[in-house]
PDB file of N, CA and C in Angstrom:
ATOM      1  N   UNK A   1      -5.362  -8.737  13.570  1.00  0.00           N
ATOM      2  CA  UNK A   1      -4.855  -8.839  12.198  1.00  0.00           C
ATOM      3  C   UNK A   1      -3.567  -9.565  12.043  1.00  0.00           C
ATOM      4  N   UNK A   2      -3.172 -10.255  11.227  1.00  0.00           N
ATOM      5  CA  UNK A   2      -1.943 -10.874  11.166  1.00  0.00           C
ATOM      6  C   UNK A   2      -0.989 -10.003  10.399  1.00  0.00           C
ATOM      7  N   UNK A   3       0.162 -10.681   9.838  1.00  0.00           N
ATOM      8  CA  UNK A   3       1.161  -9.787   9.440  1.00  0.00           C
ATOM      9  C   UNK A   3       1.230  -9.697   7.844  1.00  0.00           C
ATOM     10  N   UNK A   4       1.825  -8.736   7.155  1.00  0.00           N
ATOM     11  CA  UNK A   4       2.165  -8.613   5.803  1.00  0.00           C
ATOM     12  C   UNK A   4       2.716  -9.846   5.292  1.00  0.00           C
ATOM     13  N   UNK A   5       2.282 -10.340   4.133  1.00  0.00           N
ATOM     14  CA  UNK A   5       2.986 -11.605   3.512  1.00  0.00           C
ATOM     15  C   UNK A   5       3.022 -11.205   2.027  1.00  0.00           C
ATOM     16  N   UNK A   6       4.152 -11.915   1.450  1.00  0.00           N
ATOM     17  CA  UNK A   6       4.249 -11.836  -0.055  1.00  0.00           C
ATOM     18  C   UNK A   6       2.961 -12.056  -0.788  1.00  0.00           C
ATOM     19  N   UNK A   7       2.698 -11.114  -1.778  1.00  0.00           N
ATOM     20  CA  UNK A   7       1.379 -11.210  -2.605  1.00  0.00           C
ATOM     21  C   UNK A   7       1.649 -12.341  -3.512  1.00  0.00           C
ATOM     22  N   UNK A   8       0.780 -13.276  -3.756  1.00  0.00           N
ATOM     23  CA  UNK A   8       0.760 -14.478  -4.635  1.00  0.00           C
ATOM     24  C   UNK A   8       2.117 -15.267  -4.385  1.00  0.00           C
ATOM     25  N   UNK A   9       2.355 -15.389  -3.099  1.00  0.00           N
ATOM     26  CA  UNK A   9       3.609 -16.204  -2.704  1.00  0.00           C
ATOM     27  C   UNK A   9       5.064 -15.741  -3.292  1.00  0.00           C
ATOM     28  N   UNK A  10       4.870 -14.357  -3.485  1.00  0.00           N
ATOM     29  CA  UNK A  10       6.111 -13.824  -4.026  1.00  0.00           C
ATOM     30  C   UNK A  10       6.359 -13.876  -5.489  1.00  0.00           C
ATOM     31  N   UNK A  11       5.345 -14.471  -6.183  1.00  0.00           N
ATOM     32  CA  UNK A  11       5.509 -14.771  -7.674  1.00  0.00           C
ATOM     33  C   UNK A  11       5.569 -13.458  -8.582  1.00  0.00           C
ATOM     34  N   UNK A  12       5.069 -12.464  -8.109  1.00  0.00           N
ATOM     35  CA  UNK A  12       5.074 -11.010  -8.756  1.00  0.00           C
ATOM     36  C   UNK A  12       6.316 -10.494  -8.767  1.00  0.00           C
ATOM     37  N   UNK A  13       7.254 -10.565  -7.760  1.00  0.00           N
ATOM     38  CA  UNK A  13       8.553  -9.887  -7.611  1.00  0.00           C
ATOM     39  C   UNK A  13       9.332 -10.308  -8.962  1.00  0.00           C
ATOM     40  N   UNK A  14       9.864  -9.249  -9.481  1.00  0.00           N
ATOM     41  CA  UNK A  14      10.713  -9.429 -10.695  1.00  0.00           C
ATOM     42  C   UNK A  14       9.923  -9.326 -12.021  1.00  0.00           C
ATOM     43  N   UNK A  15       8.629  -9.348 -11.952  1.00  0.00           N
ATOM     44  CA  UNK A  15       7.739  -9.261 -13.120  1.00  0.00           C
ATOM     45  C   UNK A  15       7.403  -7.735 -13.433  1.00  0.00           C
ATOM     46  N   UNK A  16       6.755  -7.605 -14.603  1.00  0.00           N
ATOM     47  CA  UNK A  16       6.417  -6.122 -15.025  1.00  0.00           C
ATOM     48  C   UNK A  16       4.937  -6.035 -14.650  1.00  0.00           C
ATOM     49  N   UNK A  17       4.715  -4.830 -13.922  1.00  0.00           N
ATOM     50  CA  UNK A  17       3.411  -4.428 -13.645  1.00  0.00           C
ATOM     51  C   UNK A  17       2.548  -4.065 -14.861  1.00  0.00           C
ATOM     52  N   UNK A  18       1.335  -3.786 -14.708  1.00  0.00           N
ATOM     53  CA  UNK A  18       0.436  -3.371 -15.684  1.00  0.00           C
ATOM     54  C   UNK A  18       0.894  -1.978 -16.478  1.00  0.00           C
ATOM     55  N   UNK A  19       1.412  -1.046 -15.552  1.00  0.00           N
ATOM     56  CA  UNK A  19       1.846   0.115 -15.964  1.00  0.00           C
ATOM     57  C   UNK A  19       3.346   0.155 -16.612  1.00  0.00           C
ATOM     58  N   UNK A  20       3.905  -0.963 -16.529  1.00  0.00           N
ATOM     59  CA  UNK A  20       5.278  -1.318 -16.927  1.00  0.00           C
ATOM     60  C   UNK A  20       6.403  -1.166 -16.114  1.00  0.00           C
ATOM     61  N   UNK A  21       6.161  -0.968 -14.936  1.00  0.00           N
ATOM     62  CA  UNK A  21       7.245  -1.064 -13.767  1.00  0.00           C
ATOM     63  C   UNK A  21       7.683  -2.380 -13.381  1.00  0.00           C
ATOM     64  N   UNK A  22       8.978  -2.537 -12.856  1.00  0.00           N
ATOM     65  CA  UNK A  22       9.370  -3.806 -12.478  1.00  0.00           C
ATOM     66  C   UNK A  22       9.006  -3.891 -10.948  1.00  0.00           C
ATOM     67  N   UNK A  23       8.369  -4.941 -10.650  1.00  0.00           N
ATOM     68  CA  UNK A  23       7.848  -5.087  -9.206  1.00  0.00           C
ATOM     69  C   UNK A  23       9.282  -5.454  -8.334  1.00  0.00           C
ATOM     70  N   UNK A  24       9.494  -4.711  -7.355  1.00  0.00           N
ATOM     71  CA  UNK A  24      10.608  -4.988  -6.449  1.00  0.00           C
ATOM     72  C   UNK A  24       9.992  -5.685  -5.168  1.00  0.00           C
ATOM     73  N   UNK A  25       8.985  -5.361  -4.743  1.00  0.00           N
ATOM     74  CA  UNK A  25       8.435  -5.740  -3.558  1.00  0.00           C
ATOM     75  C   UNK A  25       6.860  -5.781  -3.707  1.00  0.00           C
ATOM     76  N   UNK A  26       6.139  -6.866  -3.124  1.00  0.00           N
ATOM     77  CA  UNK A  26       4.793  -6.851  -3.399  1.00  0.00           C
ATOM     78  C   UNK A  26       4.184  -7.669  -2.066  1.00  0.00           C
ATOM     79  N   UNK A  27       3.383  -7.050  -1.360  1.00  0.00           N
ATOM     80  CA  UNK A  27       2.880  -7.660  -0.028  1.00  0.00           C
ATOM     81  C   UNK A  27       1.508  -7.390   0.024  1.00  0.00           C
ATOM     82  N   UNK A  28       0.740  -8.276   0.842  1.00  0.00           N
ATOM     83  CA  UNK A  28      -0.724  -8.221   1.149  1.00  0.00           C
ATOM     84  C   UNK A  28      -0.923  -8.373   2.613  1.00  0.00           C
ATOM     85  N   UNK A  29      -1.996  -7.830   3.128  1.00  0.00           N
ATOM     86  CA  UNK A  29      -2.409  -8.007   4.498  1.00  0.00           C
ATOM     87  C   UNK A  29      -3.734  -8.588   4.643  1.00  0.00           C
ATOM     88  N   UNK A  30      -3.792  -9.768   4.888  1.00  0.00           N
ATOM     89  CA  UNK A  30      -5.097 -10.636   5.181  1.00  0.00           C
ATOM     90  C   UNK A  30      -6.057 -10.383   4.123  1.00  0.00           C
ATOM     91  N   UNK A  31      -5.682 -10.224   2.819  1.00  0.00           N
ATOM     92  CA  UNK A  31      -6.705 -10.098   1.726  1.00  0.00           C
ATOM     93  C   UNK A  31      -7.516  -8.801   1.907  1.00  0.00           C
ATOM     94  N   UNK A  32      -6.939  -7.819   2.721  1.00  0.00           N
ATOM     95  CA  UNK A  32      -7.545  -6.570   2.913  1.00  0.00           C
ATOM     96  C   UNK A  32      -6.972  -5.466   2.340  1.00  0.00           C
ATOM     97  N   UNK A  33      -5.581  -5.552   2.053  1.00  0.00           N
ATOM     98  CA  UNK A  33      -4.672  -4.489   1.570  1.00  0.00           C
ATOM     99  C   UNK A  33      -3.496  -4.960   0.828  1.00  0.00           C
ATOM    100  N   UNK A  34      -2.976  -4.190  -0.134  1.00  0.00           N
ATOM    101  CA  UNK A  34      -1.952  -4.644  -0.849  1.00  0.00           C
ATOM    102  C   UNK A  34      -0.914  -3.385  -1.031  1.00  0.00           C
ATOM    103  N   UNK A  35       0.438  -3.708  -0.921  1.00  0.00           N
ATOM    104  CA  UNK A  35       1.344  -2.622  -1.061  1.00  0.00           C
ATOM    105  C   UNK A  35       2.413  -2.974  -2.040  1.00  0.00           C
ATOM    106  N   UNK A  36       2.866  -2.242  -3.193  1.00  0.00           N
ATOM    107  CA  UNK A  36       3.752  -2.842  -4.052  1.00  0.00           C
ATOM    108  C   UNK A  36       4.917  -1.647  -4.297  1.00  0.00           C
ATOM    109  N   UNK A  37       6.140  -1.977  -4.361  1.00  0.00           N
ATOM    110  CA  UNK A  37       7.249  -1.310  -4.722  1.00  0.00           C
ATOM    111  C   UNK A  37       7.697  -1.604  -6.098  1.00  0.00           C
ATOM    112  N   UNK A  38       7.488  -0.605  -7.012  1.00  0.00           N
ATOM    113  CA  UNK A  38       7.973  -0.667  -8.471  1.00  0.00           C
ATOM    114  C   UNK A  38       8.954   0.309  -8.949  1.00  0.00           C
ATOM    115  N   UNK A  39       9.743  -0.083  -9.887  1.00  0.00           N
ATOM    116  CA  UNK A  39      10.810   0.900 -10.459  1.00  0.00           C
ATOM    117  C   UNK A  39      10.231   0.939 -12.085  1.00  0.00           C
ATOM    118  N   UNK A  40      10.130   2.020 -12.454  1.00  0.00           N
ATOM    119  CA  UNK A  40       9.641   2.411 -13.783  1.00  0.00           C
ATOM    120  C   UNK A  40      10.832   3.130 -14.576  1.00  0.00           C
ATOM    121  N   UNK A  41      10.661   3.825 -15.729  1.00  0.00           N
ATOM    122  CA  UNK A  41      11.637   4.625 -16.389  1.00  0.00           C
ATOM    123  C   UNK A  41      11.476   5.910 -15.663  1.00  0.00           C
ATOM    124  N   UNK A  42      12.627   6.370 -14.881  1.00  0.00           N
ATOM    125  CA  UNK A  42      12.681   7.544 -14.351  1.00  0.00           C
ATOM    126  C   UNK A  42      11.935   7.778 -12.966  1.00  0.00           C
ATOM    127  N   UNK A  43      11.360   6.794 -12.328  1.00  0.00           N
ATOM    128  CA  UNK A  43      10.648   6.849 -11.176  1.00  0.00           C
ATOM    129  C   UNK A  43      10.773   5.448 -10.493  1.00  0.00           C
ATOM    130  N   UNK A  44      10.408   5.751  -9.121  1.00  0.00           N
ATOM    131  CA  UNK A  44      10.141   4.492  -8.342  1.00  0.00           C
ATOM    132  C   UNK A  44       8.860   4.868  -7.602  1.00  0.00           C
ATOM    133  N   UNK A  45       7.935   3.977  -7.479  1.00  0.00           N
ATOM    134  CA  UNK A  45       6.559   4.210  -6.933  1.00  0.00           C
ATOM    135  C   UNK A  45       6.255   3.077  -5.898  1.00  0.00           C
ATOM    136  N   UNK A  46       5.267   3.719  -5.017  1.00  0.00           N
ATOM    137  CA  UNK A  46       4.869   2.686  -3.984  1.00  0.00           C
ATOM    138  C   UNK A  46       3.248   2.901  -4.191  1.00  0.00           C
ATOM    139  N   UNK A  47       2.667   1.722  -4.559  1.00  0.00           N
ATOM    140  CA  UNK A  47       1.106   1.610  -4.547  1.00  0.00           C
ATOM    141  C   UNK A  47       0.546   1.004  -3.583  1.00  0.00           C
ATOM    142  N   UNK A  48      -0.547   1.442  -3.012  1.00  0.00           N
ATOM    143  CA  UNK A  48      -1.177   0.904  -1.860  1.00  0.00           C
ATOM    144  C   UNK A  48      -2.781   0.857  -2.266  1.00  0.00           C
ATOM    145  N   UNK A  49      -3.274  -0.427  -2.144  1.00  0.00           N
ATOM    146  CA  UNK A  49      -4.685  -0.537  -2.399  1.00  0.00           C
ATOM    147  C   UNK A  49      -5.309  -1.116  -1.139  1.00  0.00           C
ATOM    148  N   UNK A  50      -6.252  -0.435  -0.606  1.00  0.00           N
ATOM    149  CA  UNK A  50      -7.177  -0.969   0.620  1.00  0.00           C
ATOM    150  C   UNK A  50      -8.504  -1.485  -0.235  1.00  0.00           C
ATOM    151  N   UNK A  51      -8.587  -2.857  -0.422  1.00  0.00           N
ATOM    152  CA  UNK A  51      -9.526  -3.248  -1.149  1.00  0.00           C
ATOM    153  C   UNK A  51     -10.934  -2.880  -0.928  1.00  0.00           C
ATOM    154  N   UNK A  52     -11.586  -2.331  -2.028  1.00  0.00           N
ATOM    155  CA  UNK A  52     -12.968  -1.772  -1.757  1.00  0.00           C
ATOM    156  C   UNK A  52     -12.902  -0.249  -1.274  1.00  0.00           C
ATOM    157  N   UNK A  53     -11.749   0.275  -0.964  1.00  0.00           N
ATOM    158  CA  UNK A  53     -11.799   1.691  -0.510  1.00  0.00           C
ATOM    159  C   UNK A  53     -10.852   2.672  -1.246  1.00  0.00           C
ATOM    160  N   UNK A  54      -9.549   2.260  -1.381  1.00  0.00           N
ATOM    161  CA  UNK A  54      -8.669   3.375  -2.090  1.00  0.00           C
ATOM    162  C   UNK A  54      -7.538   2.652  -2.982  1.00  0.00           C
ATOM    163  N   UNK A  55      -7.099   3.268  -3.864  1.00  0.00           N
ATOM    164  CA  UNK A  55      -6.034   2.906  -4.595  1.00  0.00           C
ATOM    165  C   UNK A  55      -5.175   4.070  -4.638  1.00  0.00           C
ATOM    166  N   UNK A  56      -3.909   4.268  -4.018  1.00  0.00           N
ATOM    167  CA  UNK A  56      -3.145   5.354  -3.845  1.00  0.00           C
ATOM    168  C   UNK A  56      -1.679   5.153  -4.282  1.00  0.00           C
ATOM    169  N   UNK A  57      -1.146   5.853  -5.150  1.00  0.00           N
ATOM    170  CA  UNK A  57       0.172   5.700  -5.659  1.00  0.00           C
ATOM    171  C   UNK A  57       1.000   6.953  -5.369  1.00  0.00           C
ATOM    172  N   UNK A  58       2.125   6.730  -4.964  1.00  0.00           N
ATOM    173  CA  UNK A  58       3.129   7.839  -4.597  1.00  0.00           C
ATOM    174  C   UNK A  58       4.371   7.590  -5.523  1.00  0.00           C
ATOM    175  N   UNK A  59       5.148   8.679  -6.026  1.00  0.00           N
ATOM    176  CA  UNK A  59       6.286   8.496  -6.764  1.00  0.00           C
ATOM    177  C   UNK A  59       7.474   9.119  -6.232  1.00  0.00           C
ATOM    178  N   UNK A  60       8.717   8.531  -6.251  1.00  0.00           N
ATOM    179  CA  UNK A  60       9.794   9.043  -5.758  1.00  0.00           C
ATOM    180  C   UNK A  60      10.934   8.947  -6.832  1.00  0.00           C
ATOM    181  N   UNK A  61      12.131   9.573  -6.453  1.00  0.00           N
ATOM    182  CA  UNK A  61      13.174   9.719  -7.430  1.00  0.00           C
ATOM    183  C   UNK A  61      14.376   8.919  -6.834  1.00  0.00           C
ATOM    184  N   UNK A  62      14.264   8.454  -5.571  1.00  0.00           N
ATOM    185  CA  UNK A  62      15.357   7.569  -5.092  1.00  0.00           C
ATOM    186  C   UNK A  62      14.809   6.326  -4.571  1.00  0.00           C
ATOM    187  N   UNK A  63      15.553   5.217  -4.526  1.00  0.00           N
ATOM    188  CA  UNK A  63      15.203   3.905  -3.996  1.00  0.00           C
ATOM    189  C   UNK A  63      15.128   4.090  -2.479  1.00  0.00           C
ATOM    190  N   UNK A  64      16.006   4.867  -1.980  1.00  0.00           N
ATOM    191  CA  UNK A  64      16.031   4.951  -0.395  1.00  0.00           C
ATOM    192  C   UNK A  64      14.664   5.600   0.048  1.00  0.00           C
ATOM    193  N   UNK A  65      14.341   6.738  -0.673  1.00  0.00           N
ATOM    194  CA  UNK A  65      13.054   7.446  -0.267  1.00  0.00           C
ATOM    195  C   UNK A  65      11.913   6.476  -0.385  1.00  0.00           C
ATOM    196  N   UNK A  66      11.821   5.682  -1.412  1.00  0.00           N
ATOM    197  CA  UNK A  66      10.721   4.892  -1.651  1.00  0.00           C
ATOM    198  C   UNK A  66      10.666   3.711  -0.785  1.00  0.00           C
ATOM    199  N   UNK A  67      11.657   3.181  -0.395  1.00  0.00           N
ATOM    200  CA  UNK A  67      11.796   2.024   0.379  1.00  0.00           C
ATOM    201  C   UNK A  67      11.533   2.425   1.960  1.00  0.00           C
ATOM    202  N   UNK A  68      12.021   3.682   2.239  1.00  0.00           N
ATOM    203  CA  UNK A  68      11.625   4.163   3.683  1.00  0.00           C
ATOM    204  C   UNK A  68      10.028   4.324   3.853  1.00  0.00           C
ATOM    205  N   UNK A  69       9.530   4.959   2.735  1.00  0.00           N
ATOM    206  CA  UNK A  69       8.027   5.154   2.876  1.00  0.00           C
ATOM    207  C   UNK A  69       7.250   3.960   2.668  1.00  0.00           C
ATOM    208  N   UNK A  70       7.691   3.075   1.890  1.00  0.00           N
ATOM    209  CA  UNK A  70       7.027   1.656   1.883  1.00  0.00           C
ATOM    210  C   UNK A  70       6.953   1.197   3.113  1.00  0.00           C
ATOM    211  N   UNK A  71       8.179   1.192   3.808  1.00  0.00           N
ATOM    212  CA  UNK A  71       8.046   0.566   5.246  1.00  0.00           C
ATOM    213  C   UNK A  71       7.239   1.452   6.201  1.00  0.00           C
ATOM    214  N   UNK A  72       7.218   2.686   6.109  1.00  0.00           N
ATOM    215  CA  UNK A  72       6.348   3.526   7.017  1.00  0.00           C
ATOM    216  C   UNK A  72       4.988   3.473   6.761  1.00  0.00           C
ATOM    217  N   UNK A  73       4.554   3.300   5.549  1.00  0.00           N
ATOM    218  CA  UNK A  73       3.159   3.294   5.288  1.00  0.00           C
ATOM    219  C   UNK A  73       2.433   2.109   5.800  1.00  0.00           C
ATOM    220  N   UNK A  74       3.101   0.828   6.115  1.00  0.00           N
ATOM    221  CA  UNK A  74       2.511  -0.371   6.346  1.00  0.00           C
ATOM    222  C   UNK A  74       1.761  -0.510   7.703  1.00  0.00           C
ATOM    223  N   UNK A  75       2.413   0.120   8.928  1.00  0.00           N
ATOM    224  CA  UNK A  75       1.737   0.092  10.105  1.00  0.00           C
ATOM    225  C   UNK A  75       0.621   1.126  10.126  1.00  0.00           C
ATOM    226  N   UNK A  76       0.672   2.132   9.305  1.00  0.00           N
ATOM    227  CA  UNK A  76      -0.577   3.123   9.257  1.00  0.00           C
ATOM    228  C   UNK A  76      -1.732   2.453   8.598  1.00  0.00           C
ATOM    229  N   UNK A  77      -1.490   1.728   7.543  1.00  0.00           N
ATOM    230  CA  UNK A  77      -2.528   0.787   6.843  1.00  0.00           C
ATOM    231  C   UNK A  77      -3.288  -0.024   7.985  1.00  0.00           C
ATOM    232  N   UNK A  78      -2.519  -0.689   8.747  1.00  0.00           N
ATOM    233  CA  UNK A  78      -2.907  -1.587   9.590  1.00  0.00           C
ATOM    234  C   UNK A  78      -3.954  -0.951  10.655  1.00  0.00           C
ATOM    235  N   UNK A  79      -3.608   0.420  11.029  1.00  0.00           N
ATOM    236  CA  UNK A  79      -4.541   1.185  11.778  1.00  0.00           C
ATOM    237  C   UNK A  79      -5.745   1.589  11.157  1.00  0.00           C
ATOM    238  N   UNK A  80      -5.667   1.941   9.848  1.00  0.00           N
ATOM    239  CA  UNK A  80      -6.901   2.191   9.033  1.00  0.00           C
ATOM    240  C   UNK A  80      -7.748   1.026   8.889  1.00  0.00           C
ATOM    241  N   UNK A  81      -7.097  -0.125   8.627  1.00  0.00           N
ATOM    242  CA  UNK A  81      -8.010  -1.316   8.662  1.00  0.00           C
ATOM    243  C   UNK A  81      -8.689  -1.925   9.780  1.00  0.00           C
ATOM    244  N   UNK A  82      -7.900  -1.644  10.942  1.00  0.00           N
ATOM    245  CA  UNK A  82      -8.511  -2.002  12.154  1.00  0.00           C
ATOM    246  C   UNK A  82      -9.752  -1.170  12.457  1.00  0.00           C
ATOM    247  N   UNK A  83      -9.740   0.126  12.017  1.00  0.00           N
ATOM    248  CA  UNK A  83     -11.011   1.039  12.148  1.00  0.00           C
ATOM    249  C   UNK A  83     -12.082   0.560  11.158  1.00  0.00           C
ATOM    250  N   UNK A  84     -11.770   0.346   9.878  1.00  0.00           N
ATOM    251  CA  UNK A  84     -12.744  -0.178   8.836  1.00  0.00           C
ATOM    252  C   UNK A  84     -13.273  -1.385   9.237  1.00  0.00           C
ATOM    253  N   UNK A  85     -12.541  -2.260   9.861  1.00  0.00           N
ATOM    254  CA  UNK A  85     -13.184  -3.626  10.178  1.00  0.00           C
ATOM    255  C   UNK A  85     -14.077  -3.734  11.365  1.00  0.00           C
ATOM    256  N   UNK A  86     -14.164  -2.648  12.065  1.00  0.00           N
ATOM    257  CA  UNK A  86     -14.825  -2.582  13.379  1.00  0.00           C
ATOM    258  C   UNK A  86     -16.371  -2.364  12.871  1.00  0.00           C
ATOM    259  N   UNK A  87     -17.319  -3.258  13.157  1.00  0.00           N
ATOM    260  CA  UNK A  87     -18.638  -3.173  12.937  1.00  0.00           C
ATOM    261  C   UNK A  87     -19.236  -1.751  13.292  1.00  0.00           C
ATOM    262  N   UNK A  88     -19.017  -1.311  14.501  1.00  0.00           N
ATOM    263  CA  UNK A  88     -19.766  -0.073  14.971  1.00  0.00           C
ATOM    264  C   UNK A  88     -19.295   1.129  14.250  1.00  0.00           C
ATOM    265  N   UNK A  89     -18.158   1.132  13.582  1.00  0.00           N
ATOM    266  CA  UNK A  89     -17.735   2.471  12.918  1.00  0.00           C
ATOM    267  C   UNK A  89     -18.517   2.693  11.589  1.00  0.00           C
ATOM    268  N   UNK A  90     -19.024   3.906  11.609  1.00  0.00           N
ATOM    269  CA  UNK A  90     -19.610   4.462  10.347  1.00  0.00           C
ATOM    270  C   UNK A  90     -18.699   4.892   9.343  1.00  0.00           C
ATOM    271  N   UNK A  91     -19.309   4.837   7.959  1.00  0.00           N
ATOM    272  CA  UNK A  91     -18.409   5.153   6.861  1.00  0.00           C
ATOM    273  C   UNK A  91     -17.859   6.471   6.959  1.00  0.00           C
ATOM    274  N   UNK A  92     -18.256   7.464   7.432  1.00  0.00           N
ATOM    275  CA  UNK A  92     -17.701   8.809   7.728  1.00  0.00           C
ATOM    276  C   UNK A  92     -16.443   8.640   8.314  1.00  0.00           C
ATOM    277  N   UNK A  93     -16.424   7.763   9.611  1.00  0.00           N
ATOM    278  CA  UNK A  93     -14.985   7.730  10.349  1.00  0.00           C
ATOM    279  C   UNK A  93     -14.130   6.941   9.302  1.00  0.00           C
ATOM    280  N   UNK A  94     -14.413   6.065   8.704  1.00  0.00           N
ATOM    281  CA  UNK A  94     -13.506   5.264   7.755  1.00  0.00           C
ATOM    282  C   UNK A  94     -12.960   6.186   6.794  1.00  0.00           C
ATOM    283  N   UNK A  95     -13.642   7.047   6.240  1.00  0.00           N
ATOM    284  CA  UNK A  95     -13.181   8.107   5.148  1.00  0.00           C
ATOM    285  C   UNK A  95     -12.239   8.932   5.839  1.00  0.00           C
ATOM    286  N   UNK A  96     -12.532   9.393   7.015  1.00  0.00           N
ATOM    287  CA  UNK A  96     -11.687  10.347   7.758  1.00  0.00           C
ATOM    288  C   UNK A  96     -10.431   9.717   8.023  1.00  0.00           C
ATOM    289  N   UNK A  97     -10.450   8.358   8.446  1.00  0.00           N
ATOM    290  CA  UNK A  97      -9.038   7.700   8.556  1.00  0.00           C
ATOM    291  C   UNK A  97      -8.229   7.523   7.235  1.00  0.00           C
ATOM    292  N   UNK A  98      -8.990   7.234   6.264  1.00  0.00           N
ATOM    293  CA  UNK A  98      -8.394   7.135   4.881  1.00  0.00           C
ATOM    294  C   UNK A  98      -7.745   8.595   4.484  1.00  0.00           C
ATOM    295  N   UNK A  99      -8.555   9.569   4.621  1.00  0.00           N
ATOM    296  CA  UNK A  99      -8.089  11.007   4.338  1.00  0.00           C
ATOM    297  C   UNK A  99      -6.791  11.405   5.192  1.00  0.00           C
ATOM    298  N   UNK A 100      -6.847  10.894   6.536  1.00  0.00           N
ATOM    299  CA  UNK A 100      -5.651  11.173   7.256  1.00  0.00           C
ATOM    300  C   UNK A 100      -4.484  10.455   6.781  1.00  0.00           C
ATOM    301  N   UNK A 101      -4.627   9.221   6.319  1.00  0.00           N
ATOM    302  CA  UNK A 101      -3.660   8.580   5.734  1.00  0.00           C
ATOM    303  C   UNK A 101      -3.074   9.257   4.533  1.00  0.00           C
ATOM    304  N   UNK A 102      -3.930   9.565   3.476  1.00  0.00           N
ATOM    305  CA  UNK A 102      -3.390  10.195   2.303  1.00  0.00           C
ATOM    306  C   UNK A 102      -2.828  11.566   2.738  1.00  0.00           C
ATOM    307  N   UNK A 103      -3.103  12.238   3.573  1.00  0.00           N
ATOM    308  CA  UNK A 103      -2.503  13.449   3.973  1.00  0.00           C
ATOM    309  C   UNK A 103      -1.250  13.267   4.472  1.00  0.00           C
ATOM    310  N   UNK A 104      -1.003  12.204   5.297  1.00  0.00           N
ATOM    311  CA  UNK A 104       0.358  11.652   5.966  1.00  0.00           C
ATOM    312  C   UNK A 104       1.218  11.268   4.892  1.00  0.00           C
ATOM    313  N   UNK A 105       0.694  10.607   3.858  1.00  0.00           N
ATOM    314  CA  UNK A 105       1.429   9.919   2.869  1.00  0.00           C
ATOM    315  C   UNK A 105       0.982  10.519   1.435  1.00  0.00           C
ATOM    316  N   UNK A 106       1.321  11.669   1.103  1.00  0.00           N
ATOM    317  CA  UNK A 106       0.795  12.421  -0.161  1.00  0.00           C
ATOM    318  C   UNK A 106       1.328  11.739  -1.355  1.00  0.00           C
TER     319      UNK A 106
END
């Protein structure tokens, strides 16, 4: 797997999301996952999508907490994707890895 790159070449940064939050950072990993840091009224959120599997959003009250967790989630997503993208792995194992991720990052 390669590295995280700006989604849409960074054109989404500084724009407003569908939910009304200001997009502060927006990255994608090989067309398999996307992670977005947004600031809304009274919250900061980190949204993660693993395409075809999950859409998971977390909410924070401080920029520093949200940014720390944004950075921490990215390597874990790579691990989940490495498992999902292996042909011999069954769906149950994939869902277990996703469940572990959600427990680690509620």
